[in-house]
PDB file of all heavy atoms in Angstrom:
ATOM      1  N   TYR A   1      89.824  69.165 153.929  1.00  0.00           N
ATOM      2  CA  TYR A   1      89.726  69.625 152.569  1.00  0.00           C
ATOM      3  C   TYR A   1      88.596  70.601 152.512  1.00  0.00           C
ATOM      4  O   TYR A   1      87.595  70.500 153.133  1.00  0.00           O
ATOM      5  CB  TYR A   1      89.472  68.481 151.573  1.00  0.00           C
ATOM      6  CG  TYR A   1      89.349  68.972 150.131  1.00  0.00           C
ATOM      7  CD1 TYR A   1      90.420  69.204 149.295  1.00  0.00           C
ATOM      8  CD2 TYR A   1      87.995  69.175 149.616  1.00  0.00           C
ATOM      9  CE1 TYR A   1      90.287  69.667 148.066  1.00  0.00           C
ATOM     10  CE2 TYR A   1      87.892  69.587 148.357  1.00  0.00           C
ATOM     11  CZ  TYR A   1      89.050  69.899 147.611  1.00  0.00           C
ATOM     12  OH  TYR A   1      88.890  70.320 146.222  1.00  0.00           O
ATOM     13  N   GLY A   2      88.904  71.792 151.716  1.00  0.00           N
ATOM     14  CA  GLY A   2      87.898  72.841 151.611  1.00  0.00           C
ATOM     15  C   GLY A   2      88.350  73.897 150.632  1.00  0.00           C
ATOM     16  O   GLY A   2      89.120  73.683 149.749  1.00  0.00           O
ATOM     17  N   ALA A   3      87.659  75.071 150.820  1.00  0.00           N
ATOM     18  CA  ALA A   3      87.859  76.153 149.747  1.00  0.00           C
ATOM     19  C   ALA A   3      87.629  77.515 150.578  1.00  0.00           C
ATOM     20  O   ALA A   3      86.914  77.496 151.557  1.00  0.00           O
ATOM     21  CB  ALA A   3      86.976  76.053 148.601  1.00  0.00           C
ATOM     22  N   THR A   4      88.237  78.540 149.984  1.00  0.00           N
ATOM     23  CA  THR A   4      88.133  79.900 150.620  1.00  0.00           C
ATOM     24  C   THR A   4      87.640  80.882 149.507  1.00  0.00           C
ATOM     25  O   THR A   4      88.091  80.931 148.426  1.00  0.00           O
ATOM     26  CB  THR A   4      89.455  80.359 151.162  1.00  0.00           C
ATOM     27  OG1 THR A   4      89.999  79.378 152.075  1.00  0.00           O
ATOM     28  CG2 THR A   4      89.342  81.718 151.771  1.00  0.00           C
ATOM     29  N   ARG A   5      86.577  81.636 149.825  1.00  0.00           N
ATOM     30  CA  ARG A   5      86.152  82.697 148.962  1.00  0.00           C
ATOM     31  C   ARG A   5      87.005  83.922 149.059  1.00  0.00           C
ATOM     32  O   ARG A   5      87.618  84.016 150.115  1.00  0.00           O
ATOM     33  CB  ARG A   5      84.626  83.062 149.238  1.00  0.00           C
ATOM     34  CG  ARG A   5      83.688  81.853 148.803  1.00  0.00           C
ATOM     35  CD  ARG A   5      82.236  82.197 149.167  1.00  0.00           C
ATOM     36  NE  ARG A   5      81.840  83.451 148.493  1.00  0.00           N
ATOM     37  CZ  ARG A   5      81.216  83.420 147.214  1.00  0.00           C
ATOM     38  NH1 ARG A   5      81.026  82.293 146.658  1.00  0.00           N
ATOM     39  NH2 ARG A   5      80.868  84.498 146.663  1.00  0.00           N
ATOM     40  N   PRO A   6      86.970  84.953 148.230  1.00  0.00           N
ATOM     41  CA  PRO A   6      86.028  85.026 147.064  1.00  0.00           C
ATOM     42  C   PRO A   6      86.426  84.311 145.871  1.00  0.00           C
ATOM     43  O   PRO A   6      85.601  84.202 144.998  1.00  0.00           O
ATOM     44  CB  PRO A   6      86.030  86.567 146.813  1.00  0.00           C
ATOM     45  CG  PRO A   6      87.363  87.011 147.290  1.00  0.00           C
ATOM     46  CD  PRO A   6      87.770  86.209 148.432  1.00  0.00           C
ATOM     47  N   ASP A   7      87.692  83.839 145.815  1.00  0.00           N
ATOM     48  CA  ASP A   7      88.018  83.174 144.556  1.00  0.00           C
ATOM     49  C   ASP A   7      87.969  81.705 144.693  1.00  0.00           C
ATOM     50  O   ASP A   7      88.446  80.898 143.765  1.00  0.00           O
ATOM     51  CB  ASP A   7      89.500  83.618 144.199  1.00  0.00           C
ATOM     52  CG  ASP A   7      90.443  83.360 145.401  1.00  0.00           C
ATOM     53  OD1 ASP A   7      89.969  82.924 146.478  1.00  0.00           O
ATOM     54  OD2 ASP A   7      91.611  83.618 145.321  1.00  0.00           O
ATOM     55  N   MET A   8      87.456  81.117 145.841  1.00  0.00           N
ATOM     56  CA  MET A   8      87.301  79.655 146.054  1.00  0.00           C
ATOM     57  C   MET A   8      88.581  78.933 145.931  1.00  0.00           C
ATOM     58  O   MET A   8      88.670  77.947 145.194  1.00  0.00           O
ATOM     59  CB  MET A   8      86.194  79.104 145.101  1.00  0.00           C
ATOM     60  CG  MET A   8      84.813  79.591 145.425  1.00  0.00           C
ATOM     61  SD  MET A   8      84.240  79.239 147.108  1.00  0.00           S
ATOM     62  CE  MET A   8      84.138  77.495 146.972  1.00  0.00           C
ATOM     63  N   ASN A   9      89.655  79.430 146.497  1.00  0.00           N
ATOM     64  CA  ASN A   9      90.876  78.746 146.479  1.00  0.00           C
ATOM     65  C   ASN A   9      90.860  77.328 147.140  1.00  0.00           C
ATOM     66  O   ASN A   9      90.289  77.362 148.267  1.00  0.00           O
ATOM     67  CB  ASN A   9      92.029  79.618 147.069  1.00  0.00           C
ATOM     68  CG  ASN A   9      92.297  80.867 146.269  1.00  0.00           C
ATOM     69  OD1 ASN A   9      92.180  80.845 145.061  1.00  0.00           O
ATOM     70  ND2 ASN A   9      92.752  81.900 146.983  1.00  0.00           N
ATOM     71  N   GLU A  10      91.269  76.416 146.602  1.00  0.00           N
ATOM     72  CA  GLU A  10      91.327  75.079 147.254  1.00  0.00           C
ATOM     73  C   GLU A  10      92.254  74.989 148.326  1.00  0.00           C
ATOM     74  O   GLU A  10      93.466  75.465 148.190  1.00  0.00           O
ATOM     75  CB  GLU A  10      91.673  73.927 146.182  1.00  0.00           C
ATOM     76  CG  GLU A  10      91.640  72.566 146.733  1.00  0.00           C
ATOM     77  CD  GLU A  10      92.081  71.584 145.615  1.00  0.00           C
ATOM     78  OE1 GLU A  10      92.938  71.833 144.940  1.00  0.00           O
ATOM     79  OE2 GLU A  10      91.415  70.517 145.628  1.00  0.00           O
ATOM     80  N   ILE A  11      91.876  74.443 149.556  1.00  0.00           N
ATOM     81  CA  ILE A  11      92.765  74.257 150.653  1.00  0.00           C
ATOM     82  C   ILE A  11      92.679  72.832 151.212  1.00  0.00           C
ATOM     83  O   ILE A  11      91.536  72.260 151.249  1.00  0.00           O
ATOM     84  CB  ILE A  11      92.434  75.335 151.752  1.00  0.00           C
ATOM     85  CG1 ILE A  11      91.050  75.139 152.261  1.00  0.00           C
ATOM     86  CG2 ILE A  11      92.743  76.745 151.357  1.00  0.00           C
ATOM     87  CD1 ILE A  11      90.587  76.014 153.418  1.00  0.00           C
ATOM     88  N   TRP A  12      93.691  72.172 151.581  1.00  0.00           N
ATOM     89  CA  TRP A  12      93.729  70.871 152.138  1.00  0.00           C
ATOM     90  C   TRP A  12      94.957  70.701 152.965  1.00  0.00           C
ATOM     91  O   TRP A  12      95.935  71.377 152.920  1.00  0.00           O
ATOM     92  CB  TRP A  12      93.606  69.830 151.013  1.00  0.00           C
ATOM     93  CG  TRP A  12      94.763  69.867 149.994  1.00  0.00           C
ATOM     94  CD1 TRP A  12      94.861  70.599 148.953  1.00  0.00           C
ATOM     95  CD2 TRP A  12      95.956  69.050 150.113  1.00  0.00           C
ATOM     96  NE1 TRP A  12      96.036  70.388 148.328  1.00  0.00           N
ATOM     97  CE2 TRP A  12      96.726  69.432 149.026  1.00  0.00           C
ATOM     98  CE3 TRP A  12      96.398  68.103 151.020  1.00  0.00           C
ATOM     99  CZ2 TRP A  12      97.999  68.865 148.866  1.00  0.00           C
ATOM    100  CZ3 TRP A  12      97.713  67.562 150.873  1.00  0.00           C
ATOM    101  CH2 TRP A  12      98.404  67.941 149.765  1.00  0.00           C
ATOM    102  N   GLU A  13      94.808  69.648 153.840  1.00  0.00           N
ATOM    103  CA  GLU A  13      95.956  69.359 154.749  1.00  0.00           C
ATOM    104  C   GLU A  13      95.934  67.924 155.176  1.00  0.00           C
ATOM    105  O   GLU A  13      94.834  67.336 155.368  1.00  0.00           O
ATOM    106  CB  GLU A  13      95.895  70.303 155.957  1.00  0.00           C
ATOM    107  CG  GLU A  13      96.914  69.973 157.018  1.00  0.00           C
ATOM    108  CD  GLU A  13      96.756  70.829 158.233  1.00  0.00           C
ATOM    109  OE1 GLU A  13      96.739  72.104 158.074  1.00  0.00           O
ATOM    110  OE2 GLU A  13      96.726  70.268 159.376  1.00  0.00           O
ATOM    111  N   LEU A  14      97.080  67.207 155.262  1.00  0.00           N
ATOM    112  CA  LEU A  14      97.228  65.903 155.962  1.00  0.00           C
ATOM    113  C   LEU A  14      98.181  66.044 157.097  1.00  0.00           C
ATOM    114  O   LEU A  14      99.165  66.773 157.054  1.00  0.00           O
ATOM    115  CB  LEU A  14      97.762  65.002 154.931  1.00  0.00           C
ATOM    116  CG  LEU A  14      96.864  64.563 153.751  1.00  0.00           C
ATOM    117  CD1 LEU A  14      97.586  63.742 152.771  1.00  0.00           C
ATOM    118  CD2 LEU A  14      95.496  64.014 154.188  1.00  0.00           C
ATOM    119  N   ASN A  15      97.750  65.375 158.250  1.00  0.00           N
ATOM    120  CA  ASN A  15      98.686  65.548 159.372  1.00  0.00           C
ATOM    121  C   ASN A  15      98.699  64.290 160.167  1.00  0.00           C
ATOM    122  O   ASN A  15      97.852  63.415 160.067  1.00  0.00           O
ATOM    123  CB  ASN A  15      98.136  66.724 160.328  1.00  0.00           C
ATOM    124  CG  ASN A  15      96.684  66.481 160.691  1.00  0.00           C
ATOM    125  OD1 ASN A  15      96.395  65.544 161.460  1.00  0.00           O
ATOM    126  ND2 ASN A  15      95.795  67.392 160.337  1.00  0.00           N
ATOM    127  N   LEU A  16      99.746  64.143 160.998  1.00  0.00           N
ATOM    128  CA  LEU A  16      99.935  63.022 161.942  1.00  0.00           C
ATOM    129  C   LEU A  16     100.322  63.639 163.262  1.00  0.00           C
ATOM    130  O   LEU A  16     101.391  64.338 163.315  1.00  0.00           O
ATOM    131  CB  LEU A  16     101.098  62.130 161.346  1.00  0.00           C
ATOM    132  CG  LEU A  16     101.391  60.822 162.208  1.00  0.00           C
ATOM    133  CD1 LEU A  16     100.189  59.954 162.183  1.00  0.00           C
ATOM    134  CD2 LEU A  16     102.634  60.080 161.687  1.00  0.00           C
ATOM    135  N   ASN A  17      99.641  63.283 164.320  1.00  0.00           N
ATOM    136  CA  ASN A  17      99.796  64.016 165.604  1.00  0.00           C
ATOM    137  C   ASN A  17     100.198  62.969 166.651  1.00  0.00           C
ATOM    138  O   ASN A  17      99.702  61.787 166.606  1.00  0.00           O
ATOM    139  CB  ASN A  17      98.480  64.602 166.081  1.00  0.00           C
ATOM    140  CG  ASN A  17      98.048  65.762 165.113  1.00  0.00           C
ATOM    141  OD1 ASN A  17      98.808  66.529 164.653  1.00  0.00           O
ATOM    142  ND2 ASN A  17      96.719  65.790 164.913  1.00  0.00           N
ATOM    143  N   LEU A  18     101.174  63.332 167.445  1.00  0.00           N
ATOM    144  CA  LEU A  18     101.579  62.567 168.628  1.00  0.00           C
ATOM    145  C   LEU A  18     101.269  63.392 169.895  1.00  0.00           C
ATOM    146  O   LEU A  18     102.006  64.428 170.007  1.00  0.00           O
ATOM    147  CB  LEU A  18     103.079  62.204 168.474  1.00  0.00           C
ATOM    148  CG  LEU A  18     103.610  61.415 169.733  1.00  0.00           C
ATOM    149  CD1 LEU A  18     102.924  60.091 169.869  1.00  0.00           C
ATOM    150  CD2 LEU A  18     105.103  61.322 169.582  1.00  0.00           C
ATOM    151  N   ASN A  19     100.313  62.926 170.759  1.00  0.00           N
ATOM    152  CA  ASN A  19     100.035  63.608 171.926  1.00  0.00           C
ATOM    153  C   ASN A  19     100.532  62.841 173.112  1.00  0.00           C
ATOM    154  O   ASN A  19     100.071  61.649 173.344  1.00  0.00           O
ATOM    155  CB  ASN A  19      98.484  63.920 172.034  1.00  0.00           C
ATOM    156  CG  ASN A  19      98.046  64.752 170.901  1.00  0.00           C
ATOM    157  OD1 ASN A  19      98.657  65.675 170.439  1.00  0.00           O
ATOM    158  ND2 ASN A  19      96.813  64.381 170.371  1.00  0.00           N
ATOM    159  N   TRP A  20     101.314  63.462 173.995  1.00  0.00           N
ATOM    160  CA  TRP A  20     101.770  62.709 175.097  1.00  0.00           C
ATOM    161  C   TRP A  20     101.916  63.787 176.226  1.00  0.00           C
ATOM    162  O   TRP A  20     102.759  64.658 176.186  1.00  0.00           O
ATOM    163  CB  TRP A  20     103.193  62.100 174.811  1.00  0.00           C
ATOM    164  CG  TRP A  20     103.643  61.048 175.767  1.00  0.00           C
ATOM    165  CD1 TRP A  20     103.097  60.805 177.013  1.00  0.00           C
ATOM    166  CD2 TRP A  20     104.745  60.217 175.631  1.00  0.00           C
ATOM    167  NE1 TRP A  20     103.718  59.826 177.648  1.00  0.00           N
ATOM    168  CE2 TRP A  20     104.845  59.412 176.826  1.00  0.00           C
ATOM    169  CE3 TRP A  20     105.677  60.089 174.675  1.00  0.00           C
ATOM    170  CZ2 TRP A  20     105.827  58.501 177.087  1.00  0.00           C
ATOM    171  CZ3 TRP A  20     106.815  59.179 174.903  1.00  0.00           C
ATOM    172  CH2 TRP A  20     106.750  58.385 176.058  1.00  0.00           C
ATOM    173  N   ALA A  21     101.145  63.547 177.317  1.00  0.00           N
ATOM    174  CA  ALA A  21     101.249  64.346 178.467  1.00  0.00           C
ATOM    175  C   ALA A  21     102.414  63.847 179.377  1.00  0.00           C
ATOM    176  O   ALA A  21     102.259  62.713 180.021  1.00  0.00           O
ATOM    177  CB  ALA A  21      99.968  64.370 179.257  1.00  0.00           C
ATOM    178  N   ILE A  22     103.566  64.522 179.311  1.00  0.00           N
ATOM    179  CA  ILE A  22     104.702  64.018 180.003  1.00  0.00           C
ATOM    180  C   ILE A  22     104.531  64.174 181.520  1.00  0.00           C
ATOM    181  O   ILE A  22     104.922  63.286 182.248  1.00  0.00           O
ATOM    182  CB  ILE A  22     105.901  64.736 179.509  1.00  0.00           C
ATOM    183  CG1 ILE A  22     106.044  64.484 177.972  1.00  0.00           C
ATOM    184  CG2 ILE A  22     107.180  64.362 180.252  1.00  0.00           C
ATOM    185  CD1 ILE A  22     107.208  65.289 177.321  1.00  0.00           C
ATOM    186  N   PHE A  23     103.952  65.267 182.008  1.00  0.00           N
ATOM    187  CA  PHE A  23     103.835  65.486 183.422  1.00  0.00           C
ATOM    188  C   PHE A  23     102.608  66.298 183.653  1.00  0.00           C
ATOM    189  O   PHE A  23     102.372  67.372 182.971  1.00  0.00           O
ATOM    190  CB  PHE A  23     105.041  66.237 183.991  1.00  0.00           C
ATOM    191  CG  PHE A  23     104.934  66.486 185.510  1.00  0.00           C
ATOM    192  CD1 PHE A  23     105.025  65.436 186.394  1.00  0.00           C
ATOM    193  CD2 PHE A  23     104.694  67.789 186.005  1.00  0.00           C
ATOM    194  CE1 PHE A  23     104.994  65.647 187.690  1.00  0.00           C
ATOM    195  CE2 PHE A  23     104.624  68.036 187.408  1.00  0.00           C
ATOM    196  CZ  PHE A  23     104.719  66.898 188.233  1.00  0.00           C
ATOM    197  N   ASP A  24     101.724  65.826 184.541  1.00  0.00           N
ATOM    198  CA  ASP A  24     100.457  66.451 184.766  1.00  0.00           C
ATOM    199  C   ASP A  24     100.241  66.764 186.370  1.00  0.00           C
ATOM    200  O   ASP A  24      99.126  66.822 186.767  1.00  0.00           O
ATOM    201  CB  ASP A  24      99.302  65.726 184.269  1.00  0.00           C
ATOM    202  CG  ASP A  24      99.194  64.287 184.860  1.00  0.00           C
ATOM    203  OD1 ASP A  24     100.077  63.980 185.628  1.00  0.00           O
ATOM    204  OD2 ASP A  24      98.194  63.627 184.563  1.00  0.00           O
ATOM    205  N   GLY A  25     101.317  66.882 187.015  1.00  0.00           N
ATOM    206  CA  GLY A  25     101.195  67.119 188.472  1.00  0.00           C
ATOM    207  C   GLY A  25     100.860  65.949 189.374  1.00  0.00           C
ATOM    208  O   GLY A  25     100.441  66.024 190.477  1.00  0.00           O
ATOM    209  N   GLY A  26     101.035  64.714 188.724  1.00  0.00           N
ATOM    210  CA  GLY A  26     100.739  63.473 189.534  1.00  0.00           C
ATOM    211  C   GLY A  26      99.357  62.959 189.419  1.00  0.00           C
ATOM    212  O   GLY A  26      98.928  62.116 190.192  1.00  0.00           O
ATOM    213  N   ASN A  27      98.529  63.616 188.553  1.00  0.00           N
ATOM    214  CA  ASN A  27      97.141  63.255 188.424  1.00  0.00           C
ATOM    215  C   ASN A  27      96.997  61.784 187.945  1.00  0.00           C
ATOM    216  O   ASN A  27      96.091  60.996 188.449  1.00  0.00           O
ATOM    217  CB  ASN A  27      96.427  64.208 187.483  1.00  0.00           C
ATOM    218  CG  ASN A  27      94.889  63.927 187.345  1.00  0.00           C
ATOM    219  OD1 ASN A  27      94.241  63.575 188.316  1.00  0.00           O
ATOM    220  ND2 ASN A  27      94.452  64.041 186.165  1.00  0.00           N
ATOM    221  N   ARG A  28      97.684  61.452 186.900  1.00  0.00           N
ATOM    222  CA  ARG A  28      97.573  60.051 186.399  1.00  0.00           C
ATOM    223  C   ARG A  28      98.032  58.990 187.379  1.00  0.00           C
ATOM    224  O   ARG A  28      97.450  57.922 187.489  1.00  0.00           O
ATOM    225  CB  ARG A  28      98.336  59.913 185.106  1.00  0.00           C
ATOM    226  CG  ARG A  28      97.762  60.672 183.860  1.00  0.00           C
ATOM    227  CD  ARG A  28      98.630  60.547 182.729  1.00  0.00           C
ATOM    228  NE  ARG A  28      99.851  61.340 182.907  1.00  0.00           N
ATOM    229  CZ  ARG A  28     100.832  61.390 182.106  1.00  0.00           C
ATOM    230  NH1 ARG A  28     100.770  60.716 180.920  1.00  0.00           N
ATOM    231  NH2 ARG A  28     101.910  62.071 182.380  1.00  0.00           N
ATOM    232  N   ILE A  29      99.110  59.327 188.144  1.00  0.00           N
ATOM    233  CA  ILE A  29      99.580  58.398 189.229  1.00  0.00           C
ATOM    234  C   ILE A  29      98.454  58.150 190.218  1.00  0.00           C
ATOM    235  O   ILE A  29      98.259  57.026 190.695  1.00  0.00           O
ATOM    236  CB  ILE A  29     100.813  58.864 189.834  1.00  0.00           C
ATOM    237  CG1 ILE A  29     101.952  58.979 188.700  1.00  0.00           C
ATOM    238  CG2 ILE A  29     101.282  58.081 190.977  1.00  0.00           C
ATOM    239  CD1 ILE A  29     103.257  59.530 189.306  1.00  0.00           C
ATOM    240  N   ALA A  30      97.837  59.189 190.682  1.00  0.00           N
ATOM    241  CA  ALA A  30      96.716  59.169 191.663  1.00  0.00           C
ATOM    242  C   ALA A  30      95.551  58.346 191.142  1.00  0.00           C
ATOM    243  O   ALA A  30      94.984  57.562 191.818  1.00  0.00           O
ATOM    244  CB  ALA A  30      96.298  60.514 192.056  1.00  0.00           C
ATOM    245  N   ARG A  31      95.244  58.547 189.924  1.00  0.00           N
ATOM    246  CA  ARG A  31      94.194  57.779 189.248  1.00  0.00           C
ATOM    247  C   ARG A  31      94.434  56.305 189.241  1.00  0.00           C
ATOM    248  O   ARG A  31      93.594  55.403 189.404  1.00  0.00           O
ATOM    249  CB  ARG A  31      93.792  58.287 187.858  1.00  0.00           C
ATOM    250  CG  ARG A  31      93.064  59.678 187.800  1.00  0.00           C
ATOM    251  CD  ARG A  31      92.328  59.900 186.525  1.00  0.00           C
ATOM    252  NE  ARG A  31      93.173  59.683 185.408  1.00  0.00           N
ATOM    253  CZ  ARG A  31      93.803  60.704 184.817  1.00  0.00           C
ATOM    254  NH1 ARG A  31      93.741  61.933 185.224  1.00  0.00           N
ATOM    255  NH2 ARG A  31      94.507  60.359 183.657  1.00  0.00           N
ATOM    256  N   TYR A  32      95.726  55.988 188.831  1.00  0.00           N
ATOM    257  CA  TYR A  32      96.100  54.579 188.838  1.00  0.00           C
ATOM    258  C   TYR A  32      96.045  53.921 190.193  1.00  0.00           C
ATOM    259  O   TYR A  32      95.519  52.827 190.323  1.00  0.00           O
ATOM    260  CB  TYR A  32      97.499  54.495 188.317  1.00  0.00           C
ATOM    261  CG  TYR A  32      98.128  53.131 188.336  1.00  0.00           C
ATOM    262  CD1 TYR A  32      97.735  52.197 187.269  1.00  0.00           C
ATOM    263  CD2 TYR A  32      98.949  52.659 189.327  1.00  0.00           C
ATOM    264  CE1 TYR A  32      98.222  50.894 187.321  1.00  0.00           C
ATOM    265  CE2 TYR A  32      99.503  51.317 189.281  1.00  0.00           C
ATOM    266  CZ  TYR A  32      99.099  50.462 188.308  1.00  0.00           C
ATOM    267  OH  TYR A  32      99.641  49.248 188.306  1.00  0.00           O
ATOM    268  N   ARG A  33      96.491  54.593 191.269  1.00  0.00           N
ATOM    269  CA  ARG A  33      96.379  54.070 192.614  1.00  0.00           C
ATOM    270  C   ARG A  33      94.948  53.938 192.971  1.00  0.00           C
ATOM    271  O   ARG A  33      94.660  52.909 193.730  1.00  0.00           O
ATOM    272  CB  ARG A  33      97.145  54.992 193.484  1.00  0.00           C
ATOM    273  CG  ARG A  33      98.728  54.916 193.391  1.00  0.00           C
ATOM    274  CD  ARG A  33      99.412  55.917 194.216  1.00  0.00           C
ATOM    275  NE  ARG A  33     100.826  55.821 194.030  1.00  0.00           N
ATOM    276  CZ  ARG A  33     101.775  56.697 194.455  1.00  0.00           C
ATOM    277  NH1 ARG A  33     101.335  57.768 195.300  1.00  0.00           N
ATOM    278  NH2 ARG A  33     103.006  56.587 194.359  1.00  0.00           N
ATOM    279  N   GLU A  34      94.153  54.825 192.642  1.00  0.00           N
ATOM    280  CA  GLU A  34      92.615  54.718 193.023  1.00  0.00           C
ATOM    281  C   GLU A  34      92.050  53.535 192.359  1.00  0.00           C
ATOM    282  O   GLU A  34      91.391  52.726 192.984  1.00  0.00           O
ATOM    283  CB  GLU A  34      91.939  56.046 192.545  1.00  0.00           C
ATOM    284  CG  GLU A  34      90.485  55.948 192.830  1.00  0.00           C
ATOM    285  CD  GLU A  34      89.677  57.107 192.127  1.00  0.00           C
ATOM    286  OE1 GLU A  34      90.295  57.835 191.506  1.00  0.00           O
ATOM    287  OE2 GLU A  34      88.463  57.157 192.361  1.00  0.00           O
ATOM    288  N   ALA A  35      92.401  53.272 191.099  1.00  0.00           N
ATOM    289  CA  ALA A  35      91.797  52.190 190.399  1.00  0.00           C
ATOM    290  C   ALA A  35      92.323  50.925 190.963  1.00  0.00           C
ATOM    291  O   ALA A  35      91.548  49.853 191.032  1.00  0.00           O
ATOM    292  CB  ALA A  35      92.188  52.215 188.972  1.00  0.00           C
ATOM    293  N   LYS A  36      93.591  50.784 191.467  1.00  0.00           N
ATOM    294  CA  LYS A  36      94.070  49.624 191.999  1.00  0.00           C
ATOM    295  C   LYS A  36      93.346  49.294 193.348  1.00  0.00           C
ATOM    296  O   LYS A  36      93.032  48.111 193.590  1.00  0.00           O
ATOM    297  CB  LYS A  36      95.542  49.734 192.288  1.00  0.00           C
ATOM    298  CG  LYS A  36      96.277  48.524 192.756  1.00  0.00           C
ATOM    299  CD  LYS A  36      97.813  48.655 192.897  1.00  0.00           C
ATOM    300  CE  LYS A  36      98.433  47.422 193.389  1.00  0.00           C
ATOM    301  NZ  LYS A  36      99.870  47.601 193.477  1.00  0.00           N
ATOM    302  N   ALA A  37      93.168  50.341 194.177  1.00  0.00           N
ATOM    303  CA  ALA A  37      92.420  50.128 195.421  1.00  0.00           C
ATOM    304  C   ALA A  37      91.031  49.629 195.205  1.00  0.00           C
ATOM    305  O   ALA A  37      90.501  48.885 195.870  1.00  0.00           O
ATOM    306  CB  ALA A  37      92.376  51.455 196.295  1.00  0.00           C
ATOM    307  N   ASN A  38      90.294  50.233 194.138  1.00  0.00           N
ATOM    308  CA  ASN A  38      88.960  49.859 193.794  1.00  0.00           C
ATOM    309  C   ASN A  38      88.900  48.342 193.346  1.00  0.00           C
ATOM    310  O   ASN A  38      87.934  47.694 193.741  1.00  0.00           O
ATOM    311  CB  ASN A  38      88.420  50.737 192.654  1.00  0.00           C
ATOM    312  CG  ASN A  38      88.105  52.128 193.184  1.00  0.00           C
ATOM    313  OD1 ASN A  38      87.911  52.337 194.340  1.00  0.00           O
ATOM    314  ND2 ASN A  38      88.085  53.084 192.274  1.00  0.00           N
ATOM    315  N   LEU A  39      89.947  47.941 192.643  1.00  0.00           N
ATOM    316  CA  LEU A  39      89.964  46.524 192.284  1.00  0.00           C
ATOM    317  C   LEU A  39      90.132  45.582 193.500  1.00  0.00           C
ATOM    318  O   LEU A  39      89.348  44.633 193.549  1.00  0.00           O
ATOM    319  CB  LEU A  39      91.086  46.269 191.287  1.00  0.00           C
ATOM    320  CG  LEU A  39      91.401  44.854 190.842  1.00  0.00           C
ATOM    321  CD1 LEU A  39      90.192  44.258 190.207  1.00  0.00           C
ATOM    322  CD2 LEU A  39      92.673  44.778 189.927  1.00  0.00           C
ATOM    323  N   GLU A  40      90.959  45.970 194.294  1.00  0.00           N
ATOM    324  CA  GLU A  40      91.088  45.116 195.567  1.00  0.00           C
ATOM    325  C   GLU A  40      89.761  45.064 196.371  1.00  0.00           C
ATOM    326  O   GLU A  40      89.325  44.044 196.888  1.00  0.00           O
ATOM    327  CB  GLU A  40      92.152  45.672 196.444  1.00  0.00           C
ATOM    328  CG  GLU A  40      93.565  45.498 195.845  1.00  0.00           C
ATOM    329  CD  GLU A  40      94.669  46.249 196.611  1.00  0.00           C
ATOM    330  OE1 GLU A  40      94.309  46.941 197.649  1.00  0.00           O
ATOM    331  OE2 GLU A  40      95.851  46.095 196.285  1.00  0.00           O
ATOM    332  N   GLY A  41      89.053  46.189 196.421  1.00  0.00           N
ATOM    333  CA  GLY A  41      87.780  46.178 197.163  1.00  0.00           C
ATOM    334  C   GLY A  41      86.676  45.401 196.408  1.00  0.00           C
ATOM    335  O   GLY A  41      85.971  44.715 197.058  1.00  0.00           O
ATOM    336  N   ALA A  42      86.691  45.472 195.077  1.00  0.00           N
ATOM    337  CA  ALA A  42      85.716  44.697 194.340  1.00  0.00           C
ATOM    338  C   ALA A  42      85.924  43.147 194.508  1.00  0.00           C
ATOM    339  O   ALA A  42      84.991  42.321 194.581  1.00  0.00           O
ATOM    340  CB  ALA A  42      85.803  45.032 192.867  1.00  0.00           C
TER     341      ALA A  42
END
C-alpha cells in the first residue's frame, strides 16, 4: 500500500505467489545425497 506524487494517487496490491523450481541442473538432488551421507557418518 502506498501513494504516488504529484497528485498522491493511492496505490495498493494483494498477491499470492507460488514458487517452484522445477529443474535446477541436479543441484537439489546432489544436496539431498550429501545430507544423507552426512547423516550416516554422524
